[in-house]
Amino acid sequence: MTPKQQKLLEKADQTLQAAQVLREQGFFDSATSRGYYGMFYIATAFLEGEKLSYSRHSAVIASFGQNFARPKRVPIEFHRYLIDAQNIRLKADYDVISCPVASERV
């Protein structure tokens, strides 16, 4: 594992812990965003191991699918979870939804 991968995984762990705390405190939109970013950092760490780097989230997600899910190096569901998490994060960041719906999505 490269030092950059290690830092990304540490960042992912911290971000996912923050998501849990935010959810427990009722900050569902922020929890959703942190949850997605935790997953994003993990996917980025996988790609870093292949010497792949992208500036756009959509490129990271597509490359993760192409290089890890499609060849079954990880369960294909992981790619779907990442896609779904990004869509939910975008809704949480830019749409106004009710607390019960937000809680269910987190």
N, C-alpha and C. Protein backbone atom coordinates (compact mmCIF):
# COMPACT_ATOMS: atom_id res chain seq x y z
N MET A 1 0.85 -1.18 0.00
CA MET A 1 0.00 0.00 0.00
C MET A 1 0.89 1.24 0.00
N THR A 2 0.54 2.19 -0.85
CA THR A 2 1.33 3.42 -0.93
C THR A 2 0.96 4.34 0.23
N PRO A 3 1.84 5.28 0.55
CA PRO A 3 1.50 6.26 1.59
C PRO A 3 0.22 7.04 1.26
N LYS A 4 0.03 7.35 -0.01
CA LYS A 4 -1.17 8.09 -0.40
C LYS A 4 -2.42 7.25 -0.17
N GLN A 5 -2.35 5.96 -0.49
CA GLN A 5 -3.49 5.08 -0.24
C GLN A 5 -3.80 5.04 1.26
N GLN A 6 -2.76 4.91 2.07
CA GLN A 6 -2.95 4.86 3.52
C GLN A 6 -3.63 6.13 4.01
N LYS A 7 -3.19 7.27 3.53
CA LYS A 7 -3.81 8.55 3.95
C LYS A 7 -5.26 8.62 3.50
N LEU A 8 -5.55 8.15 2.29
CA LEU A 8 -6.93 8.16 1.80
C LEU A 8 -7.82 7.25 2.65
N LEU A 9 -7.30 6.09 3.03
CA LEU A 9 -8.10 5.18 3.86
C LEU A 9 -8.30 5.74 5.27
N GLU A 10 -7.30 6.40 5.81
CA GLU A 10 -7.46 7.06 7.11
C GLU A 10 -8.49 8.17 7.02
N LYS A 11 -8.44 8.93 5.94
CA LYS A 11 -9.41 10.00 5.72
C LYS A 11 -10.81 9.42 5.57
N ALA A 12 -10.92 8.30 4.85
CA ALA A 12 -12.22 7.65 4.69
C ALA A 12 -12.77 7.21 6.04
N ASP A 13 -11.93 6.60 6.86
CA ASP A 13 -12.37 6.14 8.18
C ASP A 13 -12.87 7.31 9.03
N GLN A 14 -12.10 8.38 9.05
CA GLN A 14 -12.49 9.56 9.83
C GLN A 14 -13.79 10.17 9.30
N THR A 15 -13.92 10.21 8.00
CA THR A 15 -15.10 10.79 7.37
C THR A 15 -16.34 9.94 7.66
N LEU A 16 -16.19 8.62 7.63
CA LEU A 16 -17.33 7.74 7.93
C LEU A 16 -17.72 7.83 9.41
N GLN A 17 -16.74 8.01 10.28
CA GLN A 17 -17.05 8.23 11.69
C GLN A 17 -17.83 9.53 11.87
N ALA A 18 -17.41 10.56 11.16
CA ALA A 18 -18.12 11.85 11.23
C ALA A 18 -19.55 11.69 10.73
N ALA A 19 -19.74 10.91 9.67
CA ALA A 19 -21.09 10.67 9.14
C ALA A 19 -21.98 10.04 10.20
N GLN A 20 -21.43 9.09 10.94
CA GLN A 20 -22.21 8.43 11.98
C GLN A 20 -22.60 9.41 13.08
N VAL A 21 -21.66 10.23 13.52
CA VAL A 21 -21.95 11.23 14.56
C VAL A 21 -23.00 12.23 14.06
N LEU A 22 -22.84 12.71 12.85
CA LEU A 22 -23.80 13.66 12.28
C LEU A 22 -25.19 13.05 12.19
N ARG A 23 -25.26 11.79 11.79
CA ARG A 23 -26.56 11.11 11.70
C ARG A 23 -27.20 11.01 13.08
N GLU A 24 -26.41 10.61 14.07
CA GLU A 24 -26.92 10.48 15.44
C GLU A 24 -27.44 11.81 15.97
N GLN A 25 -26.84 12.91 15.53
CA GLN A 25 -27.24 14.24 15.98
C GLN A 25 -28.37 14.83 15.14
N GLY A 26 -28.81 14.09 14.12
CA GLY A 26 -29.93 14.54 13.30
C GLY A 26 -29.54 15.43 12.13
N PHE A 27 -28.26 15.52 11.83
CA PHE A 27 -27.80 16.32 10.69
C PHE A 27 -27.70 15.42 9.47
N PHE A 28 -28.86 15.05 8.93
CA PHE A 28 -28.93 14.01 7.91
C PHE A 28 -28.29 14.40 6.59
N ASP A 29 -28.49 15.64 6.15
CA ASP A 29 -27.87 16.07 4.89
C ASP A 29 -26.35 16.00 4.98
N SER A 30 -25.81 16.51 6.07
CA SER A 30 -24.36 16.49 6.26
C SER A 30 -23.84 15.06 6.43
N ALA A 31 -24.60 14.23 7.12
CA ALA A 31 -24.21 12.82 7.28
C ALA A 31 -24.16 12.12 5.94
N THR A 32 -25.14 12.42 5.10
CA THR A 32 -25.18 11.82 3.77
C THR A 32 -23.95 12.21 2.97
N SER A 33 -23.60 13.48 3.01
CA SER A 33 -22.43 13.96 2.29
C SER A 33 -21.15 13.29 2.80
N ARG A 34 -20.99 13.24 4.10
CA ARG A 34 -19.79 12.61 4.67
C ARG A 34 -19.74 11.12 4.34
N GLY A 35 -20.88 10.45 4.36
CA GLY A 35 -20.92 9.03 4.01
C GLY A 35 -20.45 8.80 2.59
N TYR A 36 -20.95 9.62 1.68
CA TYR A 36 -20.52 9.50 0.28
C TYR A 36 -19.02 9.74 0.16
N TYR A 37 -18.53 10.80 0.80
CA TYR A 37 -17.11 11.11 0.67
C TYR A 37 -16.24 10.00 1.25
N GLY A 38 -16.69 9.35 2.30
CA GLY A 38 -15.94 8.20 2.82
C GLY A 38 -15.80 7.12 1.77
N MET A 39 -16.90 6.82 1.09
CA MET A 39 -16.87 5.82 0.02
C MET A 39 -15.99 6.30 -1.14
N PHE A 40 -16.10 7.57 -1.47
CA PHE A 40 -15.31 8.14 -2.56
C PHE A 40 -13.81 8.02 -2.28
N TYR A 41 -13.40 8.31 -1.04
CA TYR A 41 -11.99 8.21 -0.68
C TYR A 41 -11.49 6.77 -0.79
N ILE A 42 -12.34 5.81 -0.44
CA ILE A 42 -11.96 4.40 -0.57
C ILE A 42 -11.76 4.04 -2.04
N ALA A 43 -12.71 4.44 -2.88
CA ALA A 43 -12.58 4.17 -4.32
C ALA A 43 -11.32 4.83 -4.88
N THR A 44 -11.05 6.05 -4.45
CA THR A 44 -9.85 6.76 -4.90
C THR A 44 -8.59 6.02 -4.46
N ALA A 45 -8.60 5.45 -3.26
CA ALA A 45 -7.45 4.67 -2.78
C ALA A 45 -7.23 3.44 -3.66
N PHE A 46 -8.30 2.76 -4.03
CA PHE A 46 -8.18 1.62 -4.94
C PHE A 46 -7.51 2.06 -6.24
N LEU A 47 -7.99 3.15 -6.80
CA LEU A 47 -7.45 3.63 -8.08
C LEU A 47 -6.00 4.08 -7.95
N GLU A 48 -5.66 4.67 -6.83
CA GLU A 48 -4.27 5.08 -6.58
C GLU A 48 -3.34 3.88 -6.66
N GLY A 49 -3.80 2.74 -6.20
CA GLY A 49 -3.01 1.52 -6.28
C GLY A 49 -2.72 1.08 -7.70
N GLU A 50 -3.54 1.54 -8.63
CA GLU A 50 -3.35 1.25 -10.06
C GLU A 50 -2.68 2.41 -10.78
N LYS A 51 -2.24 3.41 -10.01
CA LYS A 51 -1.62 4.62 -10.58
C LYS A 51 -2.60 5.41 -11.44
N LEU A 52 -3.87 5.38 -11.04
CA LEU A 52 -4.93 6.12 -11.74
C LEU A 52 -5.39 7.26 -10.85
N SER A 53 -5.53 8.45 -11.44
CA SER A 53 -5.94 9.63 -10.69
C SER A 53 -6.85 10.48 -11.56
N TYR A 54 -7.93 10.98 -10.96
CA TYR A 54 -8.91 11.76 -11.70
C TYR A 54 -9.32 12.98 -10.88
N SER A 55 -9.71 14.03 -11.58
CA SER A 55 -10.14 15.25 -10.89
C SER A 55 -11.66 15.33 -10.75
N ARG A 56 -12.38 14.52 -11.50
CA ARG A 56 -13.85 14.56 -11.44
C ARG A 56 -14.39 13.32 -10.74
N HIS A 57 -15.40 13.54 -9.92
CA HIS A 57 -16.02 12.43 -9.20
C HIS A 57 -16.57 11.39 -10.18
N SER A 58 -17.19 11.86 -11.24
CA SER A 58 -17.76 10.93 -12.22
C SER A 58 -16.69 10.05 -12.84
N ALA A 59 -15.50 10.58 -13.04
CA ALA A 59 -14.40 9.80 -13.61
C ALA A 59 -13.89 8.76 -12.61
N VAL A 60 -13.82 9.13 -11.34
CA VAL A 60 -13.42 8.17 -10.30
C VAL A 60 -14.42 7.02 -10.26
N ILE A 61 -15.70 7.35 -10.25
CA ILE A 61 -16.75 6.33 -10.16
C ILE A 61 -16.71 5.42 -11.39
N ALA A 62 -16.59 6.00 -12.57
CA ALA A 62 -16.54 5.20 -13.80
C ALA A 62 -15.31 4.30 -13.82
N SER A 63 -14.17 4.83 -13.45
CA SER A 63 -12.94 4.05 -13.46
C SER A 63 -12.97 2.94 -12.41
N PHE A 64 -13.55 3.22 -11.26
CA PHE A 64 -13.69 2.19 -10.23
C PHE A 64 -14.53 1.03 -10.78
N GLY A 65 -15.60 1.36 -11.46
CA GLY A 65 -16.43 0.33 -12.07
C GLY A 65 -15.67 -0.46 -13.12
N GLN A 66 -14.98 0.25 -13.99
CA GLN A 66 -14.26 -0.38 -15.09
C GLN A 66 -13.10 -1.24 -14.61
N ASN A 67 -12.35 -0.75 -13.62
CA ASN A 67 -11.13 -1.43 -13.20
C ASN A 67 -11.30 -2.41 -12.05
N PHE A 68 -12.40 -2.29 -11.30
CA PHE A 68 -12.56 -3.15 -10.13
C PHE A 68 -13.86 -3.94 -10.13
N ALA A 69 -14.98 -3.31 -10.45
CA ALA A 69 -16.26 -4.02 -10.40
C ALA A 69 -16.45 -4.92 -11.62
N ARG A 70 -16.26 -4.37 -12.80
CA ARG A 70 -16.47 -5.15 -14.03
C ARG A 70 -15.60 -6.41 -14.07
N PRO A 71 -14.30 -6.32 -13.75
CA PRO A 71 -13.48 -7.54 -13.74
C PRO A 71 -13.65 -8.38 -12.46
N LYS A 72 -14.60 -7.98 -11.63
CA LYS A 72 -14.94 -8.72 -10.40
C LYS A 72 -13.79 -8.78 -9.39
N ARG A 73 -13.01 -7.72 -9.34
CA ARG A 73 -11.97 -7.62 -8.32
C ARG A 73 -12.58 -7.20 -6.99
N VAL A 74 -13.75 -6.57 -7.07
CA VAL A 74 -14.60 -6.28 -5.90
C VAL A 74 -16.01 -6.67 -6.31
N PRO A 75 -16.89 -6.92 -5.34
CA PRO A 75 -18.28 -7.21 -5.71
C PRO A 75 -18.87 -6.07 -6.53
N ILE A 76 -19.58 -6.40 -7.58
CA ILE A 76 -20.14 -5.39 -8.48
C ILE A 76 -21.07 -4.44 -7.74
N GLU A 77 -21.67 -4.91 -6.65
CA GLU A 77 -22.56 -4.07 -5.85
C GLU A 77 -21.83 -2.84 -5.31
N PHE A 78 -20.53 -2.96 -5.05
CA PHE A 78 -19.78 -1.83 -4.51
C PHE A 78 -19.82 -0.64 -5.47
N HIS A 79 -19.76 -0.91 -6.75
CA HIS A 79 -19.85 0.16 -7.74
C HIS A 79 -21.24 0.78 -7.70
N ARG A 80 -22.26 -0.03 -7.62
CA ARG A 80 -23.65 0.46 -7.55
C ARG A 80 -23.84 1.29 -6.29
N TYR A 81 -23.30 0.84 -5.16
CA TYR A 81 -23.42 1.60 -3.91
C TYR A 81 -22.79 2.98 -4.06
N LEU A 82 -21.65 3.04 -4.73
CA LEU A 82 -20.96 4.32 -4.92
C LEU A 82 -21.78 5.25 -5.81
N ILE A 83 -22.34 4.71 -6.88
CA ILE A 83 -23.20 5.51 -7.77
C ILE A 83 -24.41 6.03 -7.01
N ASP A 84 -25.07 5.14 -6.27
CA ASP A 84 -26.26 5.53 -5.51
C ASP A 84 -25.91 6.57 -4.44
N ALA A 85 -24.78 6.38 -3.77
CA ALA A 85 -24.36 7.32 -2.73
C ALA A 85 -24.12 8.71 -3.31
N GLN A 86 -23.53 8.77 -4.50
CA GLN A 86 -23.30 10.08 -5.11
C GLN A 86 -24.64 10.75 -5.43
N ASN A 87 -25.58 10.00 -5.97
CA ASN A 87 -26.89 10.57 -6.29
C ASN A 87 -27.61 11.06 -5.04
N ILE A 88 -27.53 10.28 -3.98
CA ILE A 88 -28.17 10.69 -2.72
C ILE A 88 -27.47 11.91 -2.15
N ARG A 89 -26.14 11.94 -2.23
CA ARG A 89 -25.39 13.10 -1.73
C ARG A 89 -25.77 14.36 -2.49
N LEU A 90 -25.91 14.26 -3.80
CA LEU A 90 -26.31 15.43 -4.59
C LEU A 90 -27.69 15.92 -4.18
N LYS A 91 -28.60 15.01 -3.95
CA LYS A 91 -29.94 15.41 -3.49
C LYS A 91 -29.87 16.05 -2.11
N ALA A 92 -29.07 15.47 -1.22
CA ALA A 92 -28.94 16.02 0.13
C ALA A 92 -28.32 17.41 0.10
N ASP A 93 -27.37 17.62 -0.79
CA ASP A 93 -26.69 18.92 -0.86
C ASP A 93 -27.53 19.99 -1.55
N TYR A 94 -28.35 19.60 -2.52
CA TYR A 94 -29.00 20.60 -3.36
C TYR A 94 -30.52 20.61 -3.33
N ASP A 95 -31.15 19.56 -2.82
CA ASP A 95 -32.61 19.51 -2.73
C ASP A 95 -33.05 19.74 -1.29
N VAL A 96 -34.30 20.10 -1.13
CA VAL A 96 -34.89 20.22 0.20
C VAL A 96 -35.82 19.02 0.37
N ILE A 97 -35.52 18.18 1.38
CA ILE A 97 -36.35 17.01 1.64
C ILE A 97 -36.72 16.99 3.12
N SER A 98 -37.74 16.21 3.45
CA SER A 98 -38.19 16.13 4.83
C SER A 98 -37.22 15.31 5.67
N CYS A 99 -37.25 15.53 6.98
CA CYS A 99 -36.38 14.79 7.89
C CYS A 99 -36.59 13.28 7.83
N PRO A 100 -37.84 12.79 7.82
CA PRO A 100 -38.02 11.33 7.74
C PRO A 100 -37.41 10.73 6.48
N VAL A 101 -37.55 11.40 5.36
CA VAL A 101 -36.97 10.90 4.11
C VAL A 101 -35.45 10.94 4.20
N ALA A 102 -34.90 12.00 4.72
CA ALA A 102 -33.44 12.12 4.87
C ALA A 102 -32.90 11.03 5.78
N SER A 103 -33.59 10.79 6.89
CA SER A 103 -33.16 9.75 7.83
C SER A 103 -33.14 8.38 7.17
N GLU A 104 -34.15 8.10 6.37
CA GLU A 104 -34.23 6.82 5.67
C GLU A 104 -33.08 6.67 4.67
N ARG A 105 -32.73 7.73 3.99
CA ARG A 105 -31.67 7.68 2.98
C ARG A 105 -30.30 7.49 3.60
N VAL A 106 -30.08 8.08 4.77
CA VAL A 106 -28.78 7.95 5.43
C VAL A 106 -28.64 6.52 5.90
